[in-house]
Structure formats: C-alpha cells, structure tokens
Amino acid sequence: MGETAEAIEIYESALSVETSPSSPLLAKVSEATRHHILGLIAVCQGETEAAIMAFESATSLEPSNPSHWQALGKVQMEREDVVAARCAFDAFCR
C-alpha cells in the first residue's frame, strides 16, 4: 500500500517481540509464522527469491495453513510463474 518502510518496521518488530523472553504469549508463535514474516519483509524489499524461499519454508512446516500457500502463490504470480502459482493455489484450496 505504498508504506514499505513502515511495513518492514512492523514486521521486524513482530519478529523481535516474538523472540523476547518477556513476552510469553508471543513466544508460542510458530517457526512457520517466523518464516512467513521473513517472506513478507522480503516482498517489501523486492527480494522475490528470498520471499519464495521463506514462504516455501512456511508451507513445509505448516502445510495445512492456507495463508502460507496464498502468500507463496501471490509472489509466484507477481513474477509471472503461472505453473508455480497454480501449484501453490491448488495446495491452498485443498
């Protein structure tokens, strides 16, 4: 939405809070969610390959979480890899 720097700051703060020992609620955030957030940061930075790798890690750790598949498919679409996008969206729709 045009607020890339702010988005990155928010995502990075989520990662730092997640690892903080003083935050027991967020300490339960999954490794897959951490990869997903790293993927979002990579998207904001225009690092498509890093985003794909992060979202693929998230999908392999939580294959039943549709948000990981959707994010992966969206990045694949943006780089015009129709086959990879379809595979991700097919997994998303299962």
N, C-alpha and C. Protein backbone atom coordinates (compact mmCIF):
# COMPACT_ATOMS: atom_id res chain seq x y z
N MET A 1 0.82 -1.19 0.00
CA MET A 1 0.00 0.00 0.00
C MET A 1 0.87 1.26 0.00
N GLY A 2 2.09 1.13 -0.44
CA GLY A 2 2.95 2.29 -0.55
C GLY A 2 3.68 2.68 0.72
N GLU A 3 3.50 1.95 1.76
CA GLU A 3 4.14 2.25 3.04
C GLU A 3 5.17 1.16 3.36
N THR A 4 6.08 0.94 2.45
CA THR A 4 7.03 -0.17 2.56
C THR A 4 7.89 -0.09 3.80
N ALA A 5 8.47 1.07 4.07
CA ALA A 5 9.36 1.21 5.23
C ALA A 5 8.61 0.94 6.53
N GLU A 6 7.40 1.43 6.61
CA GLU A 6 6.60 1.21 7.82
C GLU A 6 6.23 -0.26 7.97
N ALA A 7 5.90 -0.90 6.85
CA ALA A 7 5.55 -2.32 6.90
C ALA A 7 6.74 -3.15 7.37
N ILE A 8 7.91 -2.87 6.82
CA ILE A 8 9.11 -3.60 7.23
C ILE A 8 9.37 -3.40 8.72
N GLU A 9 9.20 -2.18 9.19
CA GLU A 9 9.42 -1.89 10.61
C GLU A 9 8.45 -2.69 11.48
N ILE A 10 7.21 -2.76 11.07
CA ILE A 10 6.21 -3.52 11.84
C ILE A 10 6.55 -5.01 11.82
N TYR A 11 6.89 -5.55 10.65
CA TYR A 11 7.24 -6.97 10.56
C TYR A 11 8.47 -7.28 11.41
N GLU A 12 9.48 -6.41 11.35
CA GLU A 12 10.68 -6.65 12.14
C GLU A 12 10.39 -6.55 13.63
N SER A 13 9.50 -5.65 14.02
CA SER A 13 9.16 -5.56 15.44
C SER A 13 8.41 -6.81 15.88
N ALA A 14 7.61 -7.38 15.00
CA ALA A 14 6.92 -8.63 15.33
C ALA A 14 7.92 -9.75 15.55
N LEU A 15 8.96 -9.79 14.74
CA LEU A 15 9.99 -10.81 14.91
C LEU A 15 10.75 -10.61 16.21
N SER A 16 11.05 -9.37 16.58
CA SER A 16 11.82 -9.14 17.81
C SER A 16 10.97 -9.39 19.05
N VAL A 17 9.70 -9.07 18.99
CA VAL A 17 8.82 -9.35 20.13
C VAL A 17 8.64 -10.84 20.29
N GLU A 18 8.54 -11.52 19.17
CA GLU A 18 8.33 -12.97 19.18
C GLU A 18 9.45 -13.70 19.92
N THR A 19 10.66 -13.19 19.84
CA THR A 19 11.79 -13.88 20.47
C THR A 19 12.09 -13.34 21.87
N SER A 20 11.34 -12.36 22.30
CA SER A 20 11.58 -11.76 23.61
C SER A 20 11.10 -12.69 24.72
N PRO A 21 11.97 -12.98 25.71
CA PRO A 21 11.56 -13.85 26.81
C PRO A 21 10.50 -13.21 27.69
N SER A 22 10.36 -11.90 27.62
CA SER A 22 9.36 -11.22 28.46
C SER A 22 7.97 -11.25 27.83
N SER A 23 7.83 -11.90 26.70
CA SER A 23 6.55 -11.96 26.01
C SER A 23 6.09 -13.41 25.87
N PRO A 24 5.55 -13.99 26.95
CA PRO A 24 5.19 -15.40 26.91
C PRO A 24 4.10 -15.74 25.90
N LEU A 25 3.20 -14.81 25.63
CA LEU A 25 2.14 -15.09 24.67
C LEU A 25 2.70 -15.26 23.27
N LEU A 26 3.58 -14.36 22.88
CA LEU A 26 4.14 -14.41 21.54
C LEU A 26 5.25 -15.44 21.41
N ALA A 27 5.74 -15.95 22.52
CA ALA A 27 6.79 -16.96 22.47
C ALA A 27 6.28 -18.24 21.81
N LYS A 28 4.95 -18.38 21.71
CA LYS A 28 4.36 -19.56 21.12
C LYS A 28 4.17 -19.44 19.61
N VAL A 29 4.60 -18.33 19.04
CA VAL A 29 4.49 -18.15 17.59
C VAL A 29 5.35 -19.21 16.92
N SER A 30 4.79 -19.83 15.92
CA SER A 30 5.48 -20.96 15.29
C SER A 30 6.64 -20.52 14.42
N GLU A 31 7.52 -21.46 14.16
CA GLU A 31 8.64 -21.24 13.26
C GLU A 31 8.11 -20.92 11.86
N ALA A 32 7.01 -21.55 11.48
CA ALA A 32 6.41 -21.28 10.17
C ALA A 32 5.97 -19.82 10.07
N THR A 33 5.39 -19.30 11.13
CA THR A 33 4.98 -17.90 11.13
C THR A 33 6.19 -16.98 11.02
N ARG A 34 7.28 -17.34 11.67
CA ARG A 34 8.50 -16.56 11.56
C ARG A 34 8.98 -16.52 10.10
N HIS A 35 8.94 -17.66 9.43
CA HIS A 35 9.33 -17.70 8.01
C HIS A 35 8.37 -16.86 7.17
N HIS A 36 7.10 -16.92 7.49
CA HIS A 36 6.10 -16.14 6.75
C HIS A 36 6.41 -14.65 6.88
N ILE A 37 6.69 -14.20 8.09
CA ILE A 37 7.01 -12.79 8.31
C ILE A 37 8.29 -12.40 7.56
N LEU A 38 9.29 -13.28 7.58
CA LEU A 38 10.50 -13.01 6.81
C LEU A 38 10.19 -12.91 5.31
N GLY A 39 9.25 -13.71 4.85
CA GLY A 39 8.82 -13.62 3.45
C GLY A 39 8.15 -12.30 3.14
N LEU A 40 7.34 -11.83 4.07
CA LEU A 40 6.69 -10.53 3.89
C LEU A 40 7.71 -9.40 3.83
N ILE A 41 8.72 -9.49 4.68
CA ILE A 41 9.79 -8.49 4.65
C ILE A 41 10.51 -8.53 3.31
N ALA A 42 10.81 -9.73 2.83
CA ALA A 42 11.50 -9.87 1.54
C ALA A 42 10.65 -9.30 0.40
N VAL A 43 9.35 -9.51 0.45
CA VAL A 43 8.46 -8.93 -0.57
C VAL A 43 8.57 -7.41 -0.55
N CYS A 44 8.53 -6.82 0.63
CA CYS A 44 8.63 -5.37 0.76
C CYS A 44 9.96 -4.85 0.20
N GLN A 45 10.99 -5.65 0.33
CA GLN A 45 12.32 -5.24 -0.13
C GLN A 45 12.56 -5.59 -1.60
N GLY A 46 11.56 -6.19 -2.24
CA GLY A 46 11.70 -6.56 -3.64
C GLY A 46 12.59 -7.77 -3.87
N GLU A 47 12.79 -8.57 -2.84
CA GLU A 47 13.65 -9.76 -2.94
C GLU A 47 12.78 -10.99 -3.15
N THR A 48 12.39 -11.17 -4.40
CA THR A 48 11.44 -12.22 -4.76
C THR A 48 11.92 -13.61 -4.39
N GLU A 49 13.17 -13.93 -4.72
CA GLU A 49 13.68 -15.28 -4.44
C GLU A 49 13.72 -15.56 -2.94
N ALA A 50 14.12 -14.58 -2.15
CA ALA A 50 14.14 -14.75 -0.70
C ALA A 50 12.73 -14.94 -0.17
N ALA A 51 11.78 -14.20 -0.73
CA ALA A 51 10.38 -14.33 -0.30
C ALA A 51 9.87 -15.73 -0.61
N ILE A 52 10.15 -16.22 -1.80
CA ILE A 52 9.70 -17.55 -2.20
C ILE A 52 10.30 -18.60 -1.26
N MET A 53 11.58 -18.49 -0.99
CA MET A 53 12.21 -19.47 -0.09
C MET A 53 11.58 -19.42 1.30
N ALA A 54 11.30 -18.23 1.80
CA ALA A 54 10.70 -18.10 3.13
C ALA A 54 9.29 -18.69 3.15
N PHE A 55 8.49 -18.37 2.13
CA PHE A 55 7.12 -18.91 2.10
C PHE A 55 7.13 -20.42 1.87
N GLU A 56 8.06 -20.92 1.09
CA GLU A 56 8.17 -22.38 0.92
C GLU A 56 8.54 -23.05 2.24
N SER A 57 9.40 -22.42 3.02
CA SER A 57 9.73 -22.96 4.34
C SER A 57 8.49 -22.99 5.22
N ALA A 58 7.72 -21.92 5.17
CA ALA A 58 6.50 -21.86 5.97
C ALA A 58 5.52 -22.95 5.55
N THR A 59 5.36 -23.16 4.23
CA THR A 59 4.43 -24.19 3.78
C THR A 59 4.90 -25.59 4.14
N SER A 60 6.21 -25.80 4.15
CA SER A 60 6.70 -27.14 4.51
C SER A 60 6.53 -27.41 6.00
N LEU A 61 6.60 -26.36 6.81
CA LEU A 61 6.43 -26.53 8.26
C LEU A 61 4.96 -26.61 8.67
N GLU A 62 4.11 -25.90 7.96
CA GLU A 62 2.67 -25.91 8.24
C GLU A 62 1.89 -26.06 6.93
N PRO A 63 1.90 -27.25 6.36
CA PRO A 63 1.26 -27.42 5.06
C PRO A 63 -0.25 -27.22 5.07
N SER A 64 -0.87 -27.25 6.22
CA SER A 64 -2.33 -27.07 6.27
C SER A 64 -2.73 -25.61 6.50
N ASN A 65 -1.75 -24.71 6.56
CA ASN A 65 -2.06 -23.30 6.78
C ASN A 65 -2.20 -22.59 5.43
N PRO A 66 -3.42 -22.23 5.05
CA PRO A 66 -3.63 -21.65 3.73
C PRO A 66 -2.97 -20.28 3.53
N SER A 67 -2.71 -19.56 4.59
CA SER A 67 -2.10 -18.23 4.41
C SER A 67 -0.69 -18.34 3.84
N HIS A 68 0.03 -19.39 4.19
CA HIS A 68 1.37 -19.59 3.64
C HIS A 68 1.29 -19.88 2.13
N TRP A 69 0.36 -20.73 1.76
CA TRP A 69 0.20 -21.08 0.34
C TRP A 69 -0.25 -19.87 -0.48
N GLN A 70 -1.15 -19.09 0.08
CA GLN A 70 -1.64 -17.92 -0.62
C GLN A 70 -0.50 -16.92 -0.87
N ALA A 71 0.29 -16.68 0.16
CA ALA A 71 1.42 -15.75 0.02
C ALA A 71 2.41 -16.26 -1.03
N LEU A 72 2.70 -17.55 -0.99
CA LEU A 72 3.61 -18.14 -1.97
C LEU A 72 3.05 -17.99 -3.38
N GLY A 73 1.78 -18.30 -3.56
CA GLY A 73 1.15 -18.19 -4.87
C GLY A 73 1.14 -16.76 -5.38
N LYS A 74 0.91 -15.82 -4.51
CA LYS A 74 0.88 -14.41 -4.90
C LYS A 74 2.25 -13.96 -5.41
N VAL A 75 3.31 -14.34 -4.71
CA VAL A 75 4.66 -13.97 -5.16
C VAL A 75 4.98 -14.65 -6.49
N GLN A 76 4.58 -15.90 -6.63
CA GLN A 76 4.82 -16.61 -7.89
C GLN A 76 4.07 -15.93 -9.04
N MET A 77 2.86 -15.46 -8.78
CA MET A 77 2.09 -14.75 -9.81
C MET A 77 2.78 -13.45 -10.19
N GLU A 78 3.27 -12.73 -9.19
CA GLU A 78 3.92 -11.45 -9.46
C GLU A 78 5.17 -11.61 -10.32
N ARG A 79 5.82 -12.76 -10.22
CA ARG A 79 6.98 -12.97 -11.08
C ARG A 79 6.60 -13.73 -12.35
N GLU A 80 5.29 -13.88 -12.55
CA GLU A 80 4.70 -14.46 -13.75
C GLU A 80 5.06 -15.92 -13.96
N ASP A 81 5.23 -16.65 -12.86
CA ASP A 81 5.44 -18.09 -12.94
C ASP A 81 4.09 -18.76 -12.70
N VAL A 82 3.34 -18.89 -13.78
CA VAL A 82 1.96 -19.36 -13.71
C VAL A 82 1.87 -20.77 -13.15
N VAL A 83 2.79 -21.64 -13.56
CA VAL A 83 2.76 -23.03 -13.12
C VAL A 83 2.99 -23.11 -11.61
N ALA A 84 4.00 -22.42 -11.11
CA ALA A 84 4.29 -22.43 -9.67
C ALA A 84 3.16 -21.80 -8.88
N ALA A 85 2.59 -20.73 -9.41
CA ALA A 85 1.46 -20.07 -8.73
C ALA A 85 0.27 -21.02 -8.64
N ARG A 86 -0.01 -21.70 -9.73
CA ARG A 86 -1.14 -22.63 -9.73
C ARG A 86 -0.92 -23.76 -8.72
N CYS A 87 0.29 -24.28 -8.65
CA CYS A 87 0.60 -25.33 -7.68
C CYS A 87 0.35 -24.83 -6.25
N ALA A 88 0.78 -23.62 -5.97
CA ALA A 88 0.57 -23.07 -4.63
C ALA A 88 -0.91 -22.86 -4.36
N PHE A 89 -1.65 -22.31 -5.33
CA PHE A 89 -3.07 -22.09 -5.11
C PHE A 89 -3.86 -23.39 -5.06
N ASP A 90 -3.41 -24.39 -5.80
CA ASP A 90 -4.07 -25.70 -5.70
C ASP A 90 -3.90 -26.27 -4.30
N ALA A 91 -2.72 -26.12 -3.74
CA ALA A 91 -2.49 -26.60 -2.37
C ALA A 91 -3.31 -25.77 -1.38
N PHE A 92 -3.43 -24.48 -1.65
CA PHE A 92 -4.22 -23.57 -0.83
C PHE A 92 -5.68 -23.97 -0.79
N CYS A 93 -6.18 -24.46 -1.90
CA CYS A 93 -7.60 -24.81 -2.00
C CYS A 93 -7.94 -26.20 -1.48
N ARG A 94 -6.95 -26.96 -1.12
CA ARG A 94 -7.24 -28.33 -0.64
C ARG A 94 -7.94 -28.33 0.67
